[in-house]
Structures are given as structure tokens and as C-alpha cells.
N, C-alpha and C. Protein backbone atom coordinates (compact mmCIF):
# COMPACT_ATOMS: atom_id res chain seq x y z
N UNK A 1 34.62 -33.99 31.33
CA UNK A 1 35.57 -32.96 31.73
C UNK A 1 36.91 -33.60 32.15
N UNK A 2 36.84 -34.66 32.97
CA UNK A 2 38.07 -35.32 33.39
C UNK A 2 38.80 -35.91 32.20
N UNK A 3 38.03 -36.38 31.21
CA UNK A 3 38.67 -36.99 30.05
C UNK A 3 39.45 -35.96 29.24
N UNK A 4 38.87 -34.78 29.04
CA UNK A 4 39.58 -33.75 28.27
C UNK A 4 40.82 -33.28 29.02
N UNK A 5 40.71 -33.19 30.35
CA UNK A 5 41.86 -32.78 31.15
C UNK A 5 42.97 -33.82 31.01
N UNK A 6 42.59 -35.09 31.04
CA UNK A 6 43.57 -36.17 30.90
C UNK A 6 44.24 -36.08 29.53
N UNK A 7 43.46 -35.80 28.49
CA UNK A 7 44.01 -35.70 27.14
C UNK A 7 44.99 -34.53 27.07
N UNK A 8 44.67 -33.40 27.71
CA UNK A 8 45.57 -32.25 27.69
C UNK A 8 46.90 -32.61 28.35
N UNK A 9 46.82 -33.27 29.50
CA UNK A 9 48.05 -33.64 30.22
C UNK A 9 48.85 -34.63 29.36
N UNK A 10 48.16 -35.59 28.76
CA UNK A 10 48.86 -36.59 27.94
C UNK A 10 49.53 -35.94 26.74
N UNK A 11 48.81 -35.05 26.05
CA UNK A 11 49.38 -34.38 24.88
C UNK A 11 50.57 -33.52 25.30
N UNK A 12 50.44 -32.81 26.40
CA UNK A 12 51.53 -31.97 26.87
C UNK A 12 52.76 -32.79 27.19
N UNK A 13 52.53 -33.94 27.84
CA UNK A 13 53.66 -34.78 28.23
C UNK A 13 54.33 -35.37 26.99
N UNK A 14 53.53 -35.85 26.03
CA UNK A 14 54.13 -36.47 24.85
C UNK A 14 54.90 -35.43 24.02
N UNK A 15 54.38 -34.21 23.92
CA UNK A 15 55.09 -33.19 23.16
C UNK A 15 56.38 -32.80 23.88
N UNK A 16 56.34 -32.81 25.21
CA UNK A 16 57.54 -32.49 25.99
C UNK A 16 58.59 -33.57 25.76
N UNK A 17 58.18 -34.84 25.78
CA UNK A 17 59.12 -35.94 25.54
C UNK A 17 59.68 -35.84 24.13
N UNK A 18 58.82 -35.53 23.16
CA UNK A 18 59.27 -35.41 21.77
C UNK A 18 60.30 -34.28 21.65
N UNK A 19 60.03 -33.15 22.31
CA UNK A 19 60.96 -32.02 22.25
C UNK A 19 62.31 -32.38 22.84
N UNK A 20 62.31 -33.06 24.00
CA UNK A 20 63.58 -33.41 24.62
C UNK A 20 64.31 -34.45 23.78
N UNK A 21 63.55 -35.37 23.14
CA UNK A 21 64.20 -36.37 22.26
C UNK A 21 64.89 -35.66 21.10
N UNK A 22 64.20 -34.65 20.54
CA UNK A 22 64.79 -33.92 19.41
C UNK A 22 66.05 -33.20 19.87
N UNK A 23 66.02 -32.62 21.06
CA UNK A 23 67.21 -31.93 21.57
C UNK A 23 68.34 -32.93 21.79
N UNK A 24 68.00 -34.12 22.31
CA UNK A 24 69.03 -35.13 22.52
C UNK A 24 69.68 -35.52 21.20
N UNK A 25 68.85 -35.71 20.16
CA UNK A 25 69.38 -36.10 18.84
C UNK A 25 70.30 -35.00 18.30
N UNK A 26 69.85 -33.73 18.44
CA UNK A 26 70.69 -32.62 17.95
C UNK A 26 72.00 -32.56 18.73
N UNK A 27 71.91 -32.78 20.05
CA UNK A 27 73.12 -32.74 20.88
C UNK A 27 74.09 -33.84 20.48
N UNK A 28 73.55 -35.06 20.25
CA UNK A 28 74.41 -36.19 19.86
C UNK A 28 75.04 -35.93 18.50
N UNK A 29 74.25 -35.41 17.55
CA UNK A 29 74.79 -35.12 16.22
C UNK A 29 75.89 -34.07 16.32
N UNK A 30 75.69 -33.05 17.13
CA UNK A 30 76.69 -32.01 17.30
C UNK A 30 77.97 -32.56 17.91
N UNK A 31 77.83 -33.45 18.91
CA UNK A 31 79.00 -34.03 19.56
C UNK A 31 79.76 -34.90 18.57
N UNK A 32 79.03 -35.69 17.77
CA UNK A 32 79.69 -36.55 16.79
C UNK A 32 80.42 -35.70 15.74
N UNK A 33 79.80 -34.59 15.32
CA UNK A 33 80.43 -33.72 14.33
C UNK A 33 81.72 -33.11 14.91
N UNK A 34 81.67 -32.69 16.17
CA UNK A 34 82.87 -32.09 16.81
C UNK A 34 83.98 -33.14 16.91
N UNK A 35 83.63 -34.34 17.32
CA UNK A 35 84.64 -35.39 17.45
C UNK A 35 85.23 -35.71 16.07
N UNK A 36 84.37 -35.79 15.05
CA UNK A 36 84.86 -36.09 13.70
C UNK A 36 85.79 -35.00 13.19
N UNK A 37 85.42 -33.74 13.41
CA UNK A 37 86.28 -32.64 12.95
C UNK A 37 87.60 -32.64 13.71
N UNK A 38 87.54 -32.88 15.03
CA UNK A 38 88.76 -32.92 15.84
C UNK A 38 89.67 -34.05 15.37
N UNK A 39 89.08 -35.22 15.06
CA UNK A 39 89.87 -36.36 14.60
C UNK A 39 90.54 -36.07 13.27
N UNK A 40 89.79 -35.41 12.38
CA UNK A 40 90.37 -35.02 11.08
C UNK A 40 91.52 -34.02 11.27
N UNK A 41 91.34 -33.07 12.20
CA UNK A 41 92.37 -32.05 12.43
C UNK A 41 93.64 -32.71 12.98
N UNK A 42 93.46 -33.66 13.92
CA UNK A 42 94.63 -34.33 14.50
C UNK A 42 95.30 -35.22 13.45
N UNK A 43 94.50 -35.87 12.62
CA UNK A 43 95.02 -36.84 11.66
C UNK A 43 95.77 -36.14 10.51
N UNK A 44 95.29 -34.98 10.07
CA UNK A 44 95.91 -34.34 8.91
C UNK A 44 97.22 -33.65 9.27
């Protein structure tokens, strides 16, 4: 019983970390895209 509970907590934690990592990647990509578009607008 303790083992299955530990597995549930571990799986929940790893999926939570994976979700936040994905959000971080999307946030970074969005920021880079905004900076790139702004740089192109200023340059042109």
C-alpha cells in the first residue's frame, strides 16, 4: 500500500514538473518571438 502511494506521489510530481517545463519552454519561445518581431520592426 505504501509503495503504490509513493508511486502516485512520484508520478504526480514528475507530471507537474513536466507541465511547468513545457510552460517555461512556451513562455521562452513566445518571448523570443516578440523580441525578434520588435527588432525587425525597429530595424525596417
